[in-house]
PDB file of N, CA and C in Angstrom:
ATOM      1  N   MET A   1     100.976  54.006 -20.048  1.00  0.00           N
ATOM      2  CA  MET A   1     100.409  53.282 -18.928  1.00  0.00           C
ATOM      3  C   MET A   1      99.739  54.240 -17.944  1.00  0.00           C
ATOM      4  N   LYS A   2     100.453  55.375 -17.650  1.00  0.00           N
ATOM      5  CA  LYS A   2      99.870  56.345 -16.731  1.00  0.00           C
ATOM      6  C   LYS A   2      98.571  56.906 -17.292  1.00  0.00           C
ATOM      7  N   GLY A   3      98.549  57.084 -18.600  1.00  0.00           N
ATOM      8  CA  GLY A   3      97.336  57.595 -19.243  1.00  0.00           C
ATOM      9  C   GLY A   3      96.172  56.635 -19.060  1.00  0.00           C
ATOM     10  N   LEU A   4      96.442  55.339 -19.203  1.00  0.00           N
ATOM     11  CA  LEU A   4      95.393  54.340 -18.999  1.00  0.00           C
ATOM     12  C   LEU A   4      94.908  54.344 -17.556  1.00  0.00           C
ATOM     13  N   LEU A   5      95.839  54.461 -16.624  1.00  0.00           N
ATOM     14  CA  LEU A   5      95.462  54.497 -15.206  1.00  0.00           C
ATOM     15  C   LEU A   5      94.619  55.729 -14.900  1.00  0.00           C
ATOM     16  N   ARG A   6      95.031  56.876 -15.455  1.00  0.00           N
ATOM     17  CA  ARG A   6      94.260  58.102 -15.247  1.00  0.00           C
ATOM     18  C   ARG A   6      92.852  57.962 -15.834  1.00  0.00           C
ATOM     19  N   GLU A   7      92.794  57.402 -17.027  1.00  0.00           N
ATOM     20  CA  GLU A   7      91.501  57.207 -17.679  1.00  0.00           C
ATOM     21  C   GLU A   7      90.622  56.256 -16.868  1.00  0.00           C
ATOM     22  N   PHE A   8      91.221  55.176 -16.376  1.00  0.00           N
ATOM     23  CA  PHE A   8      90.481  54.219 -15.552  1.00  0.00           C
ATOM     24  C   PHE A   8      90.001  54.889 -14.260  1.00  0.00           C
ATOM     25  N   ALA A   9      90.864  55.661 -13.623  1.00  0.00           N
ATOM     26  CA  ALA A   9      90.499  56.347 -12.380  1.00  0.00           C
ATOM     27  C   ALA A   9      89.358  57.328 -12.633  1.00  0.00           C
ATOM     28  N   GLU A  10      89.436  58.053 -13.737  1.00  0.00           N
ATOM     29  CA  GLU A  10      88.385  59.025 -14.062  1.00  0.00           C
ATOM     30  C   GLU A  10      87.061  58.323 -14.345  1.00  0.00           C
ATOM     31  N   SER A  11      87.106  57.236 -15.107  1.00  0.00           N
ATOM     32  CA  SER A  11      85.859  56.534 -15.410  1.00  0.00           C
ATOM     33  C   SER A  11      85.285  55.907 -14.141  1.00  0.00           C
ATOM     34  N   THR A  12      86.137  55.430 -13.247  1.00  0.00           N
ATOM     35  CA  THR A  12      85.671  54.875 -11.973  1.00  0.00           C
ATOM     36  C   THR A  12      85.032  55.971 -11.122  1.00  0.00           C
ATOM     37  N   ARG A  13      85.654  57.152 -11.103  1.00  0.00           N
ATOM     38  CA  ARG A  13      85.112  58.275 -10.339  1.00  0.00           C
ATOM     39  C   ARG A  13      83.738  58.680 -10.885  1.00  0.00           C
ATOM     40  N   LEU A  14      83.625  58.770 -12.214  1.00  0.00           N
ATOM     41  CA  LEU A  14      82.346  59.130 -12.826  1.00  0.00           C
ATOM     42  C   LEU A  14      81.277  58.074 -12.538  1.00  0.00           C
ATOM     43  N   PHE A  15      81.682  56.815 -12.610  1.00  0.00           N
ATOM     44  CA  PHE A  15      80.747  55.733 -12.308  1.00  0.00           C
ATOM     45  C   PHE A  15      80.253  55.851 -10.866  1.00  0.00           C
ATOM     46  N   ALA A  16      81.167  56.116  -9.942  1.00  0.00           N
ATOM     47  CA  ALA A  16      80.801  56.254  -8.529  1.00  0.00           C
ATOM     48  C   ALA A  16      79.883  57.457  -8.318  1.00  0.00           C
ATOM     49  N   GLU A  17      80.151  58.563  -9.009  1.00  0.00           N
ATOM     50  CA  GLU A  17      79.287  59.748  -8.907  1.00  0.00           C
ATOM     51  C   GLU A  17      77.878  59.430  -9.381  1.00  0.00           C
ATOM     52  N   ARG A  18      77.790  58.775 -10.537  1.00  0.00           N
ATOM     53  CA  ARG A  18      76.468  58.416 -11.063  1.00  0.00           C
ATOM     54  C   ARG A  18      75.757  57.440 -10.132  1.00  0.00           C
ATOM     55  N   ALA A  19      76.507  56.507  -9.569  1.00  0.00           N
ATOM     56  CA  ALA A  19      75.902  55.559  -8.630  1.00  0.00           C
ATOM     57  C   ALA A  19      75.379  56.290  -7.393  1.00  0.00           C
ATOM     58  N   ASP A  20      76.142  57.260  -6.887  1.00  0.00           N
ATOM     59  CA  ASP A  20      75.697  58.048  -5.734  1.00  0.00           C
ATOM     60  C   ASP A  20      74.438  58.850  -6.069  1.00  0.00           C
ATOM     61  N   GLU A  21      74.422  59.460  -7.257  1.00  0.00           N
ATOM     62  CA  GLU A  21      73.245  60.224  -7.672  1.00  0.00           C
ATOM     63  C   GLU A  21      72.024  59.317  -7.786  1.00  0.00           C
ATOM     64  N   ARG A  22      72.236  58.151  -8.364  1.00  0.00           N
ATOM     65  CA  ARG A  22      71.130  57.185  -8.500  1.00  0.00           C
ATOM     66  C   ARG A  22      70.635  56.752  -7.131  1.00  0.00           C
ATOM     67  N   LEU A  23      71.548  56.485  -6.225  1.00  0.00           N
ATOM     68  CA  LEU A  23      71.167  56.090  -4.872  1.00  0.00           C
ATOM     69  C   LEU A  23      70.374  57.204  -4.191  1.00  0.00           C
ATOM     70  N   ASP A  24      70.807  58.445  -4.368  1.00  0.00           N
ATOM     71  CA  ASP A  24      70.066  59.581  -3.803  1.00  0.00           C
ATOM     72  C   ASP A  24      68.641  59.632  -4.348  1.00  0.00           C
ATOM     73  N   ARG A  25      68.502  59.456  -5.669  1.00  0.00           N
ATOM     74  CA  ARG A  25      67.165  59.471  -6.272  1.00  0.00           C
ATOM     75  C   ARG A  25      66.314  58.323  -5.744  1.00  0.00           C
ATOM     76  N   LEU A  26      66.912  57.150  -5.611  1.00  0.00           N
ATOM     77  CA  LEU A  26      66.164  56.004  -5.088  1.00  0.00           C
ATOM     78  C   LEU A  26      65.707  56.252  -3.650  1.00  0.00           C
ATOM     79  N   GLU A  27      66.574  56.858  -2.840  1.00  0.00           N
ATOM     80  CA  GLU A  27      66.198  57.165  -1.458  1.00  0.00           C
ATOM     81  C   GLU A  27      65.066  58.189  -1.414  1.00  0.00           C
ATOM     82  N   GLU A  28      65.137  59.209  -2.277  1.00  0.00           N
ATOM     83  CA  GLU A  28      64.064  60.205  -2.342  1.00  0.00           C
ATOM     84  C   GLU A  28      62.753  59.549  -2.771  1.00  0.00           C
ATOM     85  N   ASN A  29      62.822  58.671  -3.766  1.00  0.00           N
ATOM     86  CA  ASN A  29      61.620  57.962  -4.214  1.00  0.00           C
ATOM     87  C   ASN A  29      61.053  57.096  -3.097  1.00  0.00           C
ATOM     88  N   ALA A  30      61.918  56.432  -2.354  1.00  0.00           N
ATOM     89  CA  ALA A  30      61.462  55.589  -1.246  1.00  0.00           C
ATOM     90  C   ALA A  30      60.774  56.433  -0.176  1.00  0.00           C
ATOM     91  N   GLU A  31      61.332  57.601   0.116  1.00  0.00           N
ATOM     92  CA  GLU A  31      60.711  58.494   1.101  1.00  0.00           C
ATOM     93  C   GLU A  31      59.338  58.960   0.625  1.00  0.00           C
ATOM     94  N   ARG A  32      59.240  59.335  -0.658  1.00  0.00           N
ATOM     95  CA  ARG A  32      57.940  59.752  -1.201  1.00  0.00           C
ATOM     96  C   ARG A  32      56.944  58.600  -1.142  1.00  0.00           C
ATOM     97  N   THR A  33      57.414  57.413  -1.496  1.00  0.00           N
ATOM     98  CA  THR A  33      56.540  56.244  -1.463  1.00  0.00           C
ATOM     99  C   THR A  33      56.065  55.971  -0.039  1.00  0.00           C
ATOM    100  N   ASN A  34      56.958  56.108   0.930  1.00  0.00           N
ATOM    101  CA  ASN A  34      56.562  55.900   2.327  1.00  0.00           C
ATOM    102  C   ASN A  34      55.510  56.912   2.762  1.00  0.00           C
ATOM    103  N   ARG A  35      55.687  58.171   2.364  1.00  0.00           N
ATOM    104  CA  ARG A  35      54.693  59.194   2.725  1.00  0.00           C
ATOM    105  C   ARG A  35      53.344  58.889   2.075  1.00  0.00           C
ATOM    106  N   ARG A  36      53.369  58.457   0.820  1.00  0.00           N
ATOM    107  CA  ARG A  36      52.114  58.089   0.145  1.00  0.00           C
ATOM    108  C   ARG A  36      51.454  56.911   0.845  1.00  0.00           C
ATOM    109  N   LEU A  37      52.247  55.922   1.214  1.00  0.00           N
ATOM    110  CA  LEU A  37      51.707  54.755   1.903  1.00  0.00           C
ATOM    111  C   LEU A  37      51.075  55.156   3.234  1.00  0.00           C
ATOM    112  N   GLU A  38      51.732  56.049   3.963  1.00  0.00           N
ATOM    113  CA  GLU A  38      51.166  56.520   5.233  1.00  0.00           C
ATOM    114  C   GLU A  38      49.832  57.230   5.002  1.00  0.00           C
ATOM    115  N   ARG A  39      49.762  58.053   3.953  1.00  0.00           N
ATOM    116  CA  ARG A  39      48.496  58.744   3.654  1.00  0.00           C
ATOM    117  C   ARG A  39      47.411  57.740   3.269  1.00  0.00           C
ATOM    118  N   LEU A  40      47.778  56.735   2.492  1.00  0.00           N
ATOM    119  CA  LEU A  40      46.800  55.713   2.106  1.00  0.00           C
ATOM    120  C   LEU A  40      46.319  54.922   3.315  1.00  0.00           C
ATOM    121  N   GLU A  41      47.244  54.576   4.211  1.00  0.00           N
ATOM    122  CA  GLU A  41      46.859  53.843   5.419  1.00  0.00           C
ATOM    123  C   GLU A  41      45.920  54.679   6.284  1.00  0.00           C
ATOM    124  N   THR A  42      46.203  55.967   6.387  1.00  0.00           N
ATOM    125  CA  THR A  42      45.336  56.861   7.160  1.00  0.00           C
ATOM    126  C   THR A  42      43.953  56.941   6.520  1.00  0.00           C
ATOM    127  N   ALA A  43      43.927  57.113   5.204  1.00  0.00           N
ATOM    128  CA  ALA A  43      42.646  57.197   4.496  1.00  0.00           C
ATOM    129  C   ALA A  43      41.863  55.899   4.643  1.00  0.00           C
ATOM    130  N   LEU A  44      42.541  54.771   4.576  1.00  0.00           N
ATOM    131  CA  LEU A  44      41.869  53.482   4.721  1.00  0.00           C
ATOM    132  C   LEU A  44      41.291  53.323   6.120  1.00  0.00           C
ATOM    133  N   ALA A  45      42.038  53.733   7.137  1.00  0.00           N
ATOM    134  CA  ALA A  45      41.542  53.659   8.516  1.00  0.00           C
ATOM    135  C   ALA A  45      40.324  54.565   8.694  1.00  0.00           C
ATOM    136  N   GLU A  46      40.382  55.773   8.114  1.00  0.00           N
ATOM    137  CA  GLU A  46      39.239  56.686   8.196  1.00  0.00           C
ATOM    138  C   GLU A  46      38.025  56.110   7.482  1.00  0.00           C
ATOM    139  N   LEU A  47      38.242  55.500   6.329  1.00  0.00           N
ATOM    140  CA  LEU A  47      37.142  54.883   5.589  1.00  0.00           C
ATOM    141  C   LEU A  47      36.542  53.725   6.381  1.00  0.00           C
ATOM    142  N   ALA A  48      37.387  52.921   6.999  1.00  0.00           N
ATOM    143  CA  ALA A  48      36.890  51.801   7.801  1.00  0.00           C
ATOM    144  C   ALA A  48      36.038  52.313   8.964  1.00  0.00           C
ATOM    145  N   GLU A  49      36.489  53.366   9.624  1.00  0.00           N
ATOM    146  CA  GLU A  49      35.721  53.943  10.737  1.00  0.00           C
ATOM    147  C   GLU A  49      34.393  54.500  10.243  1.00  0.00           C
ATOM    148  N   TRP A  50      34.422  55.229   9.138  1.00  0.00           N
ATOM    149  CA  TRP A  50      33.201  55.795   8.567  1.00  0.00           C
ATOM    150  C   TRP A  50      32.222  54.677   8.200  1.00  0.00           C
ATOM    151  N   THR A  51      32.730  53.626   7.568  1.00  0.00           N
ATOM    152  CA  THR A  51      31.887  52.500   7.165  1.00  0.00           C
ATOM    153  C   THR A  51      31.262  51.839   8.383  1.00  0.00           C
ATOM    154  N   HIS A  52      32.057  51.658   9.425  1.00  0.00           N
ATOM    155  CA  HIS A  52      31.553  51.045  10.656  1.00  0.00           C
ATOM    156  C   HIS A  52      30.433  51.892  11.260  1.00  0.00           C
ATOM    157  N   GLN A  53      30.652  53.199  11.334  1.00  0.00           N
ATOM    158  CA  GLN A  53      29.633  54.090  11.902  1.00  0.00           C
ATOM    159  C   GLN A  53      28.340  54.043  11.091  1.00  0.00           C
ATOM    160  N   HIS A  54      28.465  54.063   9.780  1.00  0.00           N
ATOM    161  CA  HIS A  54      27.264  54.048   8.942  1.00  0.00           C
ATOM    162  C   HIS A  54      26.583  52.683   8.964  1.00  0.00           C
ATOM    163  N   ALA A  55      27.338  51.629   9.112  1.00  0.00           N
ATOM    164  CA  ALA A  55      26.730  50.299   9.227  1.00  0.00           C
ATOM    165  C   ALA A  55      25.923  50.209  10.520  1.00  0.00           C
ATOM    166  N   GLU A  56      26.473  50.742  11.607  1.00  0.00           N
ATOM    167  CA  GLU A  56      25.734  50.736  12.874  1.00  0.00           C
ATOM    168  C   GLU A  56      24.452  51.563  12.755  1.00  0.00           C
ATOM    169  N   ARG A  57      24.553  52.720  12.132  1.00  0.00           N
ATOM    170  CA  ARG A  57      23.378  53.576  11.948  1.00  0.00           C
ATOM    171  C   ARG A  57      22.335  52.862  11.092  1.00  0.00           C
ATOM    172  N   THR A  58      22.766  52.202  10.040  1.00  0.00           N
ATOM    173  CA  THR A  58      21.847  51.472   9.171  1.00  0.00           C
ATOM    174  C   THR A  58      21.186  50.331   9.929  1.00  0.00           C
ATOM    175  N   ASP A  59      21.959  49.628  10.758  1.00  0.00           N
ATOM    176  CA  ASP A  59      21.381  48.544  11.567  1.00  0.00           C
ATOM    177  C   ASP A  59      20.287  49.072  12.489  1.00  0.00           C
ATOM    178  N   ARG A  60      20.535  50.215  13.129  1.00  0.00           N
ATOM    179  CA  ARG A  60      19.521  50.791  14.024  1.00  0.00           C
ATOM    180  C   ARG A  60      18.266  51.174  13.245  1.00  0.00           C
ATOM    181  N   ARG A  61      18.449  51.734  12.064  1.00  0.00           N
ATOM    182  CA  ARG A  61      17.293  52.113  11.239  1.00  0.00           C
ATOM    183  C   ARG A  61      16.505  50.880  10.802  1.00  0.00           C
ATOM    184  N   LEU A  62      17.210  49.826  10.442  1.00  0.00           N
ATOM    185  CA  LEU A  62      16.524  48.589  10.050  1.00  0.00           C
ATOM    186  C   LEU A  62      15.758  48.002  11.224  1.00  0.00           C
ATOM    187  N   ASP A  63      16.350  48.051  12.409  1.00  0.00           N
ATOM    188  CA  ASP A  63      15.649  47.555  13.603  1.00  0.00           C
ATOM    189  C   ASP A  63      14.351  48.335  13.825  1.00  0.00           C
ATOM    190  N   ARG A  64      14.418  49.659  13.702  1.00  0.00           N
ATOM    191  CA  ARG A  64      13.215  50.480  13.887  1.00  0.00           C
ATOM    192  C   ARG A  64      12.178  50.175  12.809  1.00  0.00           C
ATOM    193  N   LEU A  65      12.629  49.979  11.586  1.00  0.00           N
ATOM    194  CA  LEU A  65      11.717  49.666  10.494  1.00  0.00           C
ATOM    195  C   LEU A  65      11.048  48.311  10.715  1.00  0.00           C
ATOM    196  N   GLU A  66      11.830  47.323  11.125  1.00  0.00           N
ATOM    197  CA  GLU A  66      11.259  45.997  11.394  1.00  0.00           C
ATOM    198  C   GLU A  66      10.231  46.070  12.517  1.00  0.00           C
ATOM    199  N   THR A  67      10.532  46.842  13.556  1.00  0.00           N
ATOM    200  CA  THR A  67       9.591  47.002  14.665  1.00  0.00           C
ATOM    201  C   THR A  67       8.310  47.670  14.177  1.00  0.00           C
ATOM    202  N   ALA A  68       8.459  48.726  13.384  1.00  0.00           N
ATOM    203  CA  ALA A  68       7.281  49.428  12.866  1.00  0.00           C
ATOM    204  C   ALA A  68       6.452  48.518  11.973  1.00  0.00           C
ATOM    205  N   LEU A  69       7.098  47.727  11.143  1.00  0.00           N
ATOM    206  CA  LEU A  69       6.362  46.804  10.268  1.00  0.00           C
ATOM    207  C   LEU A  69       5.647  45.732  11.075  1.00  0.00           C
ATOM    208  N   ALA A  70       6.301  45.229  12.105  1.00  0.00           N
ATOM    209  CA  ALA A  70       5.670  44.213  12.956  1.00  0.00           C
ATOM    210  C   ALA A  70       4.454  44.801  13.665  1.00  0.00           C
ATOM    211  N   GLU A  71       4.581  46.036  14.158  1.00  0.00           N
ATOM    212  CA  GLU A  71       3.448  46.689  14.822  1.00  0.00           C
ATOM    213  C   GLU A  71       2.314  46.924  13.841  1.00  0.00           C
ATOM    214  N   LEU A  72       2.640  47.335  12.634  1.00  0.00           N
ATOM    215  CA  LEU A  72       1.617  47.559  11.617  1.00  0.00           C
ATOM    216  C   LEU A  72       0.910  46.253  11.263  1.00  0.00           C
ATOM    217  N   ALA A  73       1.681  45.189  11.099  1.00  0.00           N
ATOM    218  CA  ALA A  73       1.084  43.891  10.776  1.00  0.00           C
ATOM    219  C   ALA A  73       0.179  43.430  11.912  1.00  0.00           C
ATOM    220  N   GLU A  74       0.587  43.673  13.135  1.00  0.00           N
ATOM    221  CA  GLU A  74      -0.221  43.276  14.293  1.00  0.00           C
ATOM    222  C   GLU A  74      -1.533  44.058  14.321  1.00  0.00           C
ATOM    223  N   ARG A  75      -1.471  45.354  14.024  1.00  0.00           N
ATOM    224  CA  ARG A  75      -2.688  46.178  13.999  1.00  0.00           C
ATOM    225  C   ARG A  75      -3.630  45.722  12.893  1.00  0.00           C
ATOM    226  N   MET A  76      -3.045  45.352  11.745  1.00  0.00           N
ATOM    227  CA  MET A  76      -3.889  44.929  10.629  1.00  0.00           C
ATOM    228  C   MET A  76      -4.562  43.593  10.924  1.00  0.00           C
ATOM    229  N   ASN A  77      -3.924  42.751  11.714  1.00  0.00           N
ATOM    230  CA  ASN A  77      -4.485  41.438  12.039  1.00  0.00           C
ATOM    231  C   ASN A  77      -5.478  41.517  13.193  1.00  0.00           C
ATOM    232  N   SER A  78      -5.494  42.628  13.895  1.00  0.00           N
ATOM    233  CA  SER A  78      -6.405  42.753  15.049  1.00  0.00           C
ATOM    234  C   SER A  78      -7.795  43.138  14.635  1.00  0.00           C
TER     235      SER A  78
END
């Protein structure tokens, strides 16, 4: 009986050790995932800002082009 109890205690201890190791690995993976997510969020925010700036620049260029075309059309009709 004592042998069975010792065996049960040992297997329970080993199970708990493996569970602790697994939990440690899961926590490390979660931390890595969080860091990756933060980097992705930063990159996405930077991309959004870059896109906004270039869209504004493109709008200004289109406005100038439309003005130039309108002036050219007016000169040709005069």
